[in-house]
Amino acid sequence: MKPTITAQDIQAMVSHWLSTPPNGYLGSNYGADPQSLLQNPMAAGIGDAFIGKMREDVPALDAMQADAVNVFYVDALPDRRELIVDVAGWQERLS
C-alpha cells in the first residue's frame, strides 16, 4: 500500500519551506524570503510570485486547488505587519 500524504505532512513541508532561506541548499534555489513581502504593497503582484515559488518548491501543493493557497497580511498596532500564509485553512503567521 502506498503511503498517503496527509494535511499534517503538507503543513510541515510549507513550514520548512518558509523557514529555509532562499538558496539555503547548495545548488538549489529552494526556500523563501517572507520578510521581503512585508515591506512591499500586496498590489505589487509579488504575492502571486511568492505562491508560484511555493508551488514550485513544494510539489505536493500542485495537487490542491488553485485557491487553496493564499498569502495576505494584516497590520497590527502600533507599527507591525504580520504575513499570513494560508494553505487550505491552516495558517502560518510570520512577522
PDB file of N, CA and C in Angstrom:
ATOM      1  N   MET A   1       0.836  -1.178   0.000  1.00  0.00           N
ATOM      2  CA  MET A   1       0.000   0.000   0.000  1.00  0.00           C
ATOM      3  C   MET A   1       0.888   1.250   0.000  1.00  0.00           C
ATOM      4  N   LYS A   2       0.542   2.216  -0.855  1.00  0.00           N
ATOM      5  CA  LYS A   2       1.305   3.450  -0.943  1.00  0.00           C
ATOM      6  C   LYS A   2       0.996   4.342   0.253  1.00  0.00           C
ATOM      7  N   PRO A   3       2.017   4.999   0.784  1.00  0.00           N
ATOM      8  CA  PRO A   3       1.744   5.943   1.869  1.00  0.00           C
ATOM      9  C   PRO A   3       1.006   7.169   1.328  1.00  0.00           C
ATOM     10  N   THR A   4       0.132   7.718   2.127  1.00  0.00           N
ATOM     11  CA  THR A   4      -0.666   8.878   1.744  1.00  0.00           C
ATOM     12  C   THR A   4      -0.072  10.135   2.373  1.00  0.00           C
ATOM     13  N   ILE A   5      -0.033  11.187   1.603  1.00  0.00           N
ATOM     14  CA  ILE A   5       0.412  12.469   2.138  1.00  0.00           C
ATOM     15  C   ILE A   5      -0.770  13.094   2.859  1.00  0.00           C
ATOM     16  N   THR A   6      -0.585  13.392   4.136  1.00  0.00           N
ATOM     17  CA  THR A   6      -1.652  13.945   4.954  1.00  0.00           C
ATOM     18  C   THR A   6      -1.559  15.466   5.000  1.00  0.00           C
ATOM     19  N   ALA A   7      -2.577  16.082   5.557  1.00  0.00           N
ATOM     20  CA  ALA A   7      -2.579  17.539   5.733  1.00  0.00           C
ATOM     21  C   ALA A   7      -1.422  17.968   6.628  1.00  0.00           C
ATOM     22  N   GLN A   8      -1.116  17.163   7.647  1.00  0.00           N
ATOM     23  CA  GLN A   8      -0.004  17.483   8.539  1.00  0.00           C
ATOM     24  C   GLN A   8       1.329  17.434   7.789  1.00  0.00           C
ATOM     25  N   ASP A   9       1.444  16.518   6.842  1.00  0.00           N
ATOM     26  CA  ASP A   9       2.666  16.439   6.040  1.00  0.00           C
ATOM     27  C   ASP A   9       2.843  17.713   5.209  1.00  0.00           C
ATOM     28  N   ILE A  10       1.760  18.167   4.593  1.00  0.00           N
ATOM     29  CA  ILE A  10       1.832  19.386   3.785  1.00  0.00           C
ATOM     30  C   ILE A  10       2.127  20.592   4.658  1.00  0.00           C
ATOM     31  N   GLN A  11       1.532  20.656   5.838  1.00  0.00           N
ATOM     32  CA  GLN A  11       1.816  21.745   6.768  1.00  0.00           C
ATOM     33  C   GLN A  11       3.302  21.759   7.135  1.00  0.00           C
ATOM     34  N   ALA A  12       3.858  20.597   7.397  1.00  0.00           N
ATOM     35  CA  ALA A  12       5.278  20.505   7.737  1.00  0.00           C
ATOM     36  C   ALA A  12       6.152  20.936   6.564  1.00  0.00           C
ATOM     37  N   MET A  13       5.755  20.551   5.347  1.00  0.00           N
ATOM     38  CA  MET A  13       6.511  20.946   4.151  1.00  0.00           C
ATOM     39  C   MET A  13       6.510  22.460   3.985  1.00  0.00           C
ATOM     40  N   VAL A  14       5.344  23.081   4.147  1.00  0.00           N
ATOM     41  CA  VAL A  14       5.234  24.529   3.982  1.00  0.00           C
ATOM     42  C   VAL A  14       5.998  25.245   5.099  1.00  0.00           C
ATOM     43  N   SER A  15       5.895  24.768   6.326  1.00  0.00           N
ATOM     44  CA  SER A  15       6.642  25.375   7.442  1.00  0.00           C
ATOM     45  C   SER A  15       8.144  25.300   7.192  1.00  0.00           C
ATOM     46  N   HIS A  16       8.598  24.151   6.709  1.00  0.00           N
ATOM     47  CA  HIS A  16      10.026  24.000   6.402  1.00  0.00           C
ATOM     48  C   HIS A  16      10.442  24.965   5.303  1.00  0.00           C
ATOM     49  N   TRP A  17       9.618  25.060   4.264  1.00  0.00           N
ATOM     50  CA  TRP A  17       9.935  25.958   3.158  1.00  0.00           C
ATOM     51  C   TRP A  17      10.015  27.403   3.629  1.00  0.00           C
ATOM     52  N   LEU A  18       9.072  27.813   4.480  1.00  0.00           N
ATOM     53  CA  LEU A  18       9.058  29.189   4.977  1.00  0.00           C
ATOM     54  C   LEU A  18      10.260  29.499   5.853  1.00  0.00           C
ATOM     55  N   SER A  19      10.772  28.494   6.563  1.00  0.00           N
ATOM     56  CA  SER A  19      11.894  28.729   7.475  1.00  0.00           C
ATOM     57  C   SER A  19      13.255  28.559   6.802  1.00  0.00           C
ATOM     58  N   THR A  20      13.269  28.113   5.550  1.00  0.00           N
ATOM     59  CA  THR A  20      14.525  27.925   4.831  1.00  0.00           C
ATOM     60  C   THR A  20      14.812  29.158   3.980  1.00  0.00           C
ATOM     61  N   PRO A  21      15.970  29.781   4.176  1.00  0.00           N
ATOM     62  CA  PRO A  21      16.288  30.957   3.359  1.00  0.00           C
ATOM     63  C   PRO A  21      16.486  30.569   1.899  1.00  0.00           C
ATOM     64  N   PRO A  22      16.250  31.507   0.968  1.00  0.00           N
ATOM     65  CA  PRO A  22      16.473  31.198  -0.445  1.00  0.00           C
ATOM     66  C   PRO A  22      17.909  30.730  -0.668  1.00  0.00           C
ATOM     67  N   ASN A  23      18.065  29.758  -1.535  1.00  0.00           N
ATOM     68  CA  ASN A  23      19.381  29.189  -1.833  1.00  0.00           C
ATOM     69  C   ASN A  23      20.026  28.571  -0.592  1.00  0.00           C
ATOM     70  N   GLY A  24      19.189  28.106   0.327  1.00  0.00           N
ATOM     71  CA  GLY A  24      19.685  27.522   1.573  1.00  0.00           C
ATOM     72  C   GLY A  24      20.348  26.171   1.378  1.00  0.00           C
ATOM     73  N   TYR A  25      20.063  25.524   0.267  1.00  0.00           N
ATOM     74  CA  TYR A  25      20.698  24.254  -0.062  1.00  0.00           C
ATOM     75  C   TYR A  25      21.611  24.477  -1.261  1.00  0.00           C
ATOM     76  N   LEU A  26      22.818  23.992  -1.174  1.00  0.00           N
ATOM     77  CA  LEU A  26      23.807  24.177  -2.224  1.00  0.00           C
ATOM     78  C   LEU A  26      23.280  23.668  -3.563  1.00  0.00           C
ATOM     79  N   GLY A  27      23.299  24.524  -4.560  1.00  0.00           N
ATOM     80  CA  GLY A  27      22.870  24.142  -5.895  1.00  0.00           C
ATOM     81  C   GLY A  27      21.369  24.174  -6.115  1.00  0.00           C
ATOM     82  N   SER A  28      20.615  24.696  -5.151  1.00  0.00           N
ATOM     83  CA  SER A  28      19.160  24.735  -5.274  1.00  0.00           C
ATOM     84  C   SER A  28      18.652  26.106  -4.853  1.00  0.00           C
ATOM     85  N   ASN A  29      17.628  26.580  -5.535  1.00  0.00           N
ATOM     86  CA  ASN A  29      17.039  27.862  -5.144  1.00  0.00           C
ATOM     87  C   ASN A  29      15.850  27.666  -4.213  1.00  0.00           C
ATOM     88  N   TYR A  30      15.729  26.483  -3.625  1.00  0.00           N
ATOM     89  CA  TYR A  30      14.655  26.157  -2.676  1.00  0.00           C
ATOM     90  C   TYR A  30      14.703  27.124  -1.502  1.00  0.00           C
ATOM     91  N   GLY A  31      13.541  27.550  -1.052  1.00  0.00           N
ATOM     92  CA  GLY A  31      13.452  28.399   0.126  1.00  0.00           C
ATOM     93  C   GLY A  31      12.652  29.663  -0.149  1.00  0.00           C
ATOM     94  N   ALA A  32      12.385  30.381   0.934  1.00  0.00           N
ATOM     95  CA  ALA A  32      11.542  31.574   0.839  1.00  0.00           C
ATOM     96  C   ALA A  32      12.152  32.724   1.623  1.00  0.00           C
ATOM     97  N   ASP A  33      11.779  33.925   1.227  1.00  0.00           N
ATOM     98  CA  ASP A  33      12.148  35.129   1.959  1.00  0.00           C
ATOM     99  C   ASP A  33      10.866  35.890   2.286  1.00  0.00           C
ATOM    100  N   PRO A  34      10.095  35.400   3.268  1.00  0.00           N
ATOM    101  CA  PRO A  34       8.814  36.046   3.559  1.00  0.00           C
ATOM    102  C   PRO A  34       8.967  37.466   4.087  1.00  0.00           C
ATOM    103  N   GLN A  35      10.097  37.788   4.668  1.00  0.00           N
ATOM    104  CA  GLN A  35      10.292  39.143   5.196  1.00  0.00           C
ATOM    105  C   GLN A  35      10.294  40.183   4.079  1.00  0.00           C
ATOM    106  N   SER A  36      10.680  39.783   2.872  1.00  0.00           N
ATOM    107  CA  SER A  36      10.705  40.740   1.766  1.00  0.00           C
ATOM    108  C   SER A  36       9.294  41.164   1.364  1.00  0.00           C
ATOM    109  N   LEU A  37       8.301  40.355   1.658  1.00  0.00           N
ATOM    110  CA  LEU A  37       6.919  40.729   1.328  1.00  0.00           C
ATOM    111  C   LEU A  37       6.380  41.796   2.267  1.00  0.00           C
ATOM    112  N   LEU A  38       6.906  41.847   3.470  1.00  0.00           N
ATOM    113  CA  LEU A  38       6.361  42.765   4.469  1.00  0.00           C
ATOM    114  C   LEU A  38       6.616  44.229   4.134  1.00  0.00           C
ATOM    115  N   GLN A  39       7.634  44.506   3.351  1.00  0.00           N
ATOM    116  CA  GLN A  39       7.990  45.893   3.045  1.00  0.00           C
ATOM    117  C   GLN A  39       7.430  46.381   1.719  1.00  0.00           C
ATOM    118  N   ASN A  40       6.600  45.583   1.080  1.00  0.00           N
ATOM    119  CA  ASN A  40       6.045  45.942  -0.232  1.00  0.00           C
ATOM    120  C   ASN A  40       4.524  45.885  -0.193  1.00  0.00           C
ATOM    121  N   PRO A  41       3.876  46.713  -0.999  1.00  0.00           N
ATOM    122  CA  PRO A  41       2.415  46.611  -1.073  1.00  0.00           C
ATOM    123  C   PRO A  41       2.008  45.324  -1.778  1.00  0.00           C
ATOM    124  N   MET A  42       0.943  44.694  -1.308  1.00  0.00           N
ATOM    125  CA  MET A  42       0.482  43.456  -1.921  1.00  0.00           C
ATOM    126  C   MET A  42       0.001  43.683  -3.353  1.00  0.00           C
ATOM    127  N   ALA A  43      -0.348  44.915  -3.681  1.00  0.00           N
ATOM    128  CA  ALA A  43      -0.801  45.226  -5.034  1.00  0.00           C
ATOM    129  C   ALA A  43       0.342  45.137  -6.047  1.00  0.00           C
ATOM    130  N   ALA A  44       1.565  45.005  -5.565  1.00  0.00           N
ATOM    131  CA  ALA A  44       2.715  44.926  -6.470  1.00  0.00           C
ATOM    132  C   ALA A  44       2.779  43.604  -7.209  1.00  0.00           C
ATOM    133  N   GLY A  45       1.962  42.625  -6.830  1.00  0.00           N
ATOM    134  CA  GLY A  45       1.935  41.342  -7.515  1.00  0.00           C
ATOM    135  C   GLY A  45       2.956  40.343  -7.015  1.00  0.00           C
ATOM    136  N   ILE A  46       3.714  40.705  -5.996  1.00  0.00           N
ATOM    137  CA  ILE A  46       4.739  39.789  -5.507  1.00  0.00           C
ATOM    138  C   ILE A  46       4.142  38.636  -4.715  1.00  0.00           C
ATOM    139  N   GLY A  47       2.916  38.804  -4.241  1.00  0.00           N
ATOM    140  CA  GLY A  47       2.254  37.708  -3.537  1.00  0.00           C
ATOM    141  C   GLY A  47       2.014  36.529  -4.458  1.00  0.00           C
ATOM    142  N   ASP A  48       1.617  36.802  -5.699  1.00  0.00           N
ATOM    143  CA  ASP A  48       1.401  35.737  -6.682  1.00  0.00           C
ATOM    144  C   ASP A  48       2.714  35.029  -7.017  1.00  0.00           C
ATOM    145  N   ALA A  49       3.784  35.810  -7.120  1.00  0.00           N
ATOM    146  CA  ALA A  49       5.097  35.214  -7.393  1.00  0.00           C
ATOM    147  C   ALA A  49       5.543  34.346  -6.218  1.00  0.00           C
ATOM    148  N   PHE A  50       5.239  34.799  -4.997  1.00  0.00           N
ATOM    149  CA  PHE A  50       5.581  34.042  -3.794  1.00  0.00           C
ATOM    150  C   PHE A  50       4.842  32.701  -3.778  1.00  0.00           C
ATOM    151  N   ILE A  51       3.556  32.726  -4.100  1.00  0.00           N
ATOM    152  CA  ILE A  51       2.765  31.487  -4.149  1.00  0.00           C
ATOM    153  C   ILE A  51       3.282  30.584  -5.272  1.00  0.00           C
ATOM    154  N   GLY A  52       3.622  31.163  -6.412  1.00  0.00           N
ATOM    155  CA  GLY A  52       4.163  30.371  -7.518  1.00  0.00           C
ATOM    156  C   GLY A  52       5.456  29.668  -7.137  1.00  0.00           C
ATOM    157  N   LYS A  53       6.325  30.381  -6.429  1.00  0.00           N
ATOM    158  CA  LYS A  53       7.589  29.783  -5.971  1.00  0.00           C
ATOM    159  C   LYS A  53       7.319  28.682  -4.954  1.00  0.00           C
ATOM    160  N   MET A  54       6.335  28.905  -4.072  1.00  0.00           N
ATOM    161  CA  MET A  54       5.987  27.888  -3.081  1.00  0.00           C
ATOM    162  C   MET A  54       5.489  26.630  -3.785  1.00  0.00           C
ATOM    163  N   ARG A  55       4.634  26.785  -4.775  1.00  0.00           N
ATOM    164  CA  ARG A  55       4.115  25.625  -5.511  1.00  0.00           C
ATOM    165  C   ARG A  55       5.238  24.919  -6.282  1.00  0.00           C
ATOM    166  N   GLU A  56       6.204  25.679  -6.758  1.00  0.00           N
ATOM    167  CA  GLU A  56       7.333  25.097  -7.476  1.00  0.00           C
ATOM    168  C   GLU A  56       8.229  24.293  -6.533  1.00  0.00           C
ATOM    169  N   ASP A  57       8.474  24.821  -5.346  1.00  0.00           N
ATOM    170  CA  ASP A  57       9.372  24.178  -4.388  1.00  0.00           C
ATOM    171  C   ASP A  57       8.711  23.064  -3.586  1.00  0.00           C
ATOM    172  N   VAL A  58       7.396  23.138  -3.409  1.00  0.00           N
ATOM    173  CA  VAL A  58       6.652  22.120  -2.656  1.00  0.00           C
ATOM    174  C   VAL A  58       5.627  21.509  -3.621  1.00  0.00           C
ATOM    175  N   PRO A  59       6.030  20.513  -4.393  1.00  0.00           N
ATOM    176  CA  PRO A  59       5.163  19.961  -5.438  1.00  0.00           C
ATOM    177  C   PRO A  59       3.845  19.387  -4.920  1.00  0.00           C
ATOM    178  N   ALA A  60       3.761  19.024  -3.665  1.00  0.00           N
ATOM    179  CA  ALA A  60       2.507  18.485  -3.115  1.00  0.00           C
ATOM    180  C   ALA A  60       1.384  19.514  -3.198  1.00  0.00           C
ATOM    181  N   LEU A  61       1.731  20.797  -3.257  1.00  0.00           N
ATOM    182  CA  LEU A  61       0.713  21.844  -3.341  1.00  0.00           C
ATOM    183  C   LEU A  61       0.024  21.855  -4.703  1.00  0.00           C
ATOM    184  N   ASP A  62       0.669  21.307  -5.717  1.00  0.00           N
ATOM    185  CA  ASP A  62       0.053  21.262  -7.048  1.00  0.00           C
ATOM    186  C   ASP A  62      -1.180  20.372  -7.085  1.00  0.00           C
ATOM    187  N   ALA A  63      -1.273  19.442  -6.153  1.00  0.00           N
ATOM    188  CA  ALA A  63      -2.446  18.563  -6.098  1.00  0.00           C
ATOM    189  C   ALA A  63      -3.658  19.276  -5.508  1.00  0.00           C
ATOM    190  N   MET A  64      -3.441  20.435  -4.928  1.00  0.00           N
ATOM    191  CA  MET A  64      -4.526  21.192  -4.308  1.00  0.00           C
ATOM    192  C   MET A  64      -5.117  22.171  -5.306  1.00  0.00           C
ATOM    193  N   GLN A  65      -6.326  22.624  -5.027  1.00  0.00           N
ATOM    194  CA  GLN A  65      -6.987  23.607  -5.885  1.00  0.00           C
ATOM    195  C   GLN A  65      -6.188  24.909  -5.898  1.00  0.00           C
ATOM    196  N   ALA A  66      -6.365  25.677  -6.945  1.00  0.00           N
ATOM    197  CA  ALA A  66      -5.613  26.920  -7.105  1.00  0.00           C
ATOM    198  C   ALA A  66      -5.894  27.902  -5.975  1.00  0.00           C
ATOM    199  N   ASP A  67      -7.128  27.939  -5.471  1.00  0.00           N
ATOM    200  CA  ASP A  67      -7.457  28.906  -4.418  1.00  0.00           C
ATOM    201  C   ASP A  67      -7.211  28.360  -3.018  1.00  0.00           C
ATOM    202  N   ALA A  68      -6.557  27.211  -2.905  1.00  0.00           N
ATOM    203  CA  ALA A  68      -6.286  26.622  -1.587  1.00  0.00           C
ATOM    204  C   ALA A  68      -5.069  27.240  -0.921  1.00  0.00           C
ATOM    205  N   VAL A  69      -4.252  27.967  -1.680  1.00  0.00           N
ATOM    206  CA  VAL A  69      -3.043  28.591  -1.138  1.00  0.00           C
ATOM    207  C   VAL A  69      -3.186  30.101  -1.298  1.00  0.00           C
ATOM    208  N   ASN A  70      -3.085  30.819  -0.185  1.00  0.00           N
ATOM    209  CA  ASN A  70      -3.221  32.278  -0.198  1.00  0.00           C
ATOM    210  C   ASN A  70      -2.145  32.909   0.666  1.00  0.00           C
ATOM    211  N   VAL A  71      -1.796  34.134   0.317  1.00  0.00           N
ATOM    212  CA  VAL A  71      -0.856  34.925   1.105  1.00  0.00           C
ATOM    213  C   VAL A  71      -1.496  36.289   1.314  1.00  0.00           C
ATOM    214  N   PHE A  72      -1.528  36.733   2.556  1.00  0.00           N
ATOM    215  CA  PHE A  72      -2.036  38.069   2.850  1.00  0.00           C
ATOM    216  C   PHE A  72      -1.382  38.570   4.124  1.00  0.00           C
ATOM    217  N   TYR A  73      -1.578  39.834   4.415  1.00  0.00           N
ATOM    218  CA  TYR A  73      -1.030  40.362   5.651  1.00  0.00           C
ATOM    219  C   TYR A  73      -2.073  41.193   6.365  1.00  0.00           C
ATOM    220  N   VAL A  74      -1.849  41.341   7.663  1.00  0.00           N
ATOM    221  CA  VAL A  74      -2.687  42.202   8.488  1.00  0.00           C
ATOM    222  C   VAL A  74      -1.763  43.146   9.241  1.00  0.00           C
ATOM    223  N   ASP A  75      -2.204  44.380   9.362  1.00  0.00           N
ATOM    224  CA  ASP A  75      -1.450  45.359  10.131  1.00  0.00           C
ATOM    225  C   ASP A  75      -1.837  45.249  11.595  1.00  0.00           C
ATOM    226  N   ALA A  76      -0.842  45.242  12.454  1.00  0.00           N
ATOM    227  CA  ALA A  76      -1.055  45.189  13.893  1.00  0.00           C
ATOM    228  C   ALA A  76      -0.458  46.458  14.500  1.00  0.00           C
ATOM    229  N   LEU A  77      -1.141  46.971  15.479  1.00  0.00           N
ATOM    230  CA  LEU A  77      -0.679  48.213  16.090  1.00  0.00           C
ATOM    231  C   LEU A  77       0.553  47.951  16.930  1.00  0.00           C
ATOM    232  N   PRO A  78       1.417  48.898  17.106  1.00  0.00           N
ATOM    233  CA  PRO A  78       1.386  50.226  16.505  1.00  0.00           C
ATOM    234  C   PRO A  78       2.015  50.277  15.112  1.00  0.00           C
ATOM    235  N   ASP A  79       3.049  49.507  14.866  1.00  0.00           N
ATOM    236  CA  ASP A  79       3.727  49.605  13.569  1.00  0.00           C
ATOM    237  C   ASP A  79       4.231  48.239  13.121  1.00  0.00           C
ATOM    238  N   ARG A  80       3.375  47.283  13.201  1.00  0.00           N
ATOM    239  CA  ARG A  80       3.771  45.911  12.902  1.00  0.00           C
ATOM    240  C   ARG A  80       2.880  45.323  11.814  1.00  0.00           C
ATOM    241  N   ARG A  81       3.420  44.429  11.047  1.00  0.00           N
ATOM    242  CA  ARG A  81       2.662  43.771   9.980  1.00  0.00           C
ATOM    243  C   ARG A  81       2.944  42.271  10.066  1.00  0.00           C
ATOM    244  N   GLU A  82       1.880  41.484  10.016  1.00  0.00           N
ATOM    245  CA  GLU A  82       2.011  40.033  10.044  1.00  0.00           C
ATOM    246  C   GLU A  82       1.662  39.468   8.675  1.00  0.00           C
ATOM    247  N   LEU A  83       2.532  38.636   8.152  1.00  0.00           N
ATOM    248  CA  LEU A  83       2.273  37.935   6.912  1.00  0.00           C
ATOM    249  C   LEU A  83       1.616  36.603   7.269  1.00  0.00           C
ATOM    250  N   ILE A  84       0.547  36.274   6.580  1.00  0.00           N
ATOM    251  CA  ILE A  84      -0.177  35.038   6.851  1.00  0.00           C
ATOM    252  C   ILE A  84      -0.192  34.209   5.574  1.00  0.00           C
ATOM    253  N   VAL A  85       0.317  32.994   5.681  1.00  0.00           N
ATOM    254  CA  VAL A  85       0.281  32.038   4.581  1.00  0.00           C
ATOM    255  C   VAL A  85      -0.807  31.036   4.935  1.00  0.00           C
ATOM    256  N   ASP A  86      -1.831  30.973   4.096  1.00  0.00           N
ATOM    257  CA  ASP A  86      -2.993  30.113   4.344  1.00  0.00           C
ATOM    258  C   ASP A  86      -2.975  28.977   3.321  1.00  0.00           C
ATOM    259  N   VAL A  87      -2.897  27.745   3.821  1.00  0.00           N
ATOM    260  CA  VAL A  87      -2.920  26.565   2.965  1.00  0.00           C
ATOM    261  C   VAL A  87      -4.110  25.719   3.387  1.00  0.00           C
ATOM    262  N   ALA A  88      -5.181  25.803   2.608  1.00  0.00           N
ATOM    263  CA  ALA A  88      -6.408  25.022   2.849  1.00  0.00           C
ATOM    264  C   ALA A  88      -6.928  25.186   4.274  1.00  0.00           C
ATOM    265  N   GLY A  89      -6.914  26.409   4.770  1.00  0.00           N
ATOM    266  CA  GLY A  89      -7.461  26.690   6.096  1.00  0.00           C
ATOM    267  C   GLY A  89      -6.447  26.674   7.221  1.00  0.00           C
ATOM    268  N   TRP A  90      -5.290  26.070   7.003  1.00  0.00           N
ATOM    269  CA  TRP A  90      -4.232  26.088   8.012  1.00  0.00           C
ATOM    270  C   TRP A  90      -3.392  27.338   7.765  1.00  0.00           C
ATOM    271  N   GLN A  91      -3.104  28.095   8.826  1.00  0.00           N
ATOM    272  CA  GLN A  91      -2.397  29.358   8.656  1.00  0.00           C
ATOM    273  C   GLN A  91      -1.068  29.364   9.405  1.00  0.00           C
ATOM    274  N   GLU A  92      -0.077  29.892   8.738  1.00  0.00           N
ATOM    275  CA  GLU A  92       1.244  30.120   9.331  1.00  0.00           C
ATOM    276  C   GLU A  92       1.416  31.630   9.382  1.00  0.00           C
ATOM    277  N   ARG A  93       1.664  32.153  10.568  1.00  0.00           N
ATOM    278  CA  ARG A  93       1.824  33.607  10.750  1.00  0.00           C
ATOM    279  C   ARG A  93       3.296  33.938  10.908  1.00  0.00           C
ATOM    280  N   LEU A  94       3.724  34.954  10.171  1.00  0.00           N
ATOM    281  CA  LEU A  94       5.118  35.413  10.206  1.00  0.00           C
ATOM    282  C   LEU A  94       5.121  36.911  10.428  1.00  0.00           C
ATOM    283  N   SER A  95       6.057  37.366  11.221  1.00  0.00           N
ATOM    284  CA  SER A  95       6.159  38.818  11.405  1.00  0.00           C
ATOM    285  C   SER A  95       7.590  39.260  11.441  1.00  0.00           C
TER     286      SER A  95
END
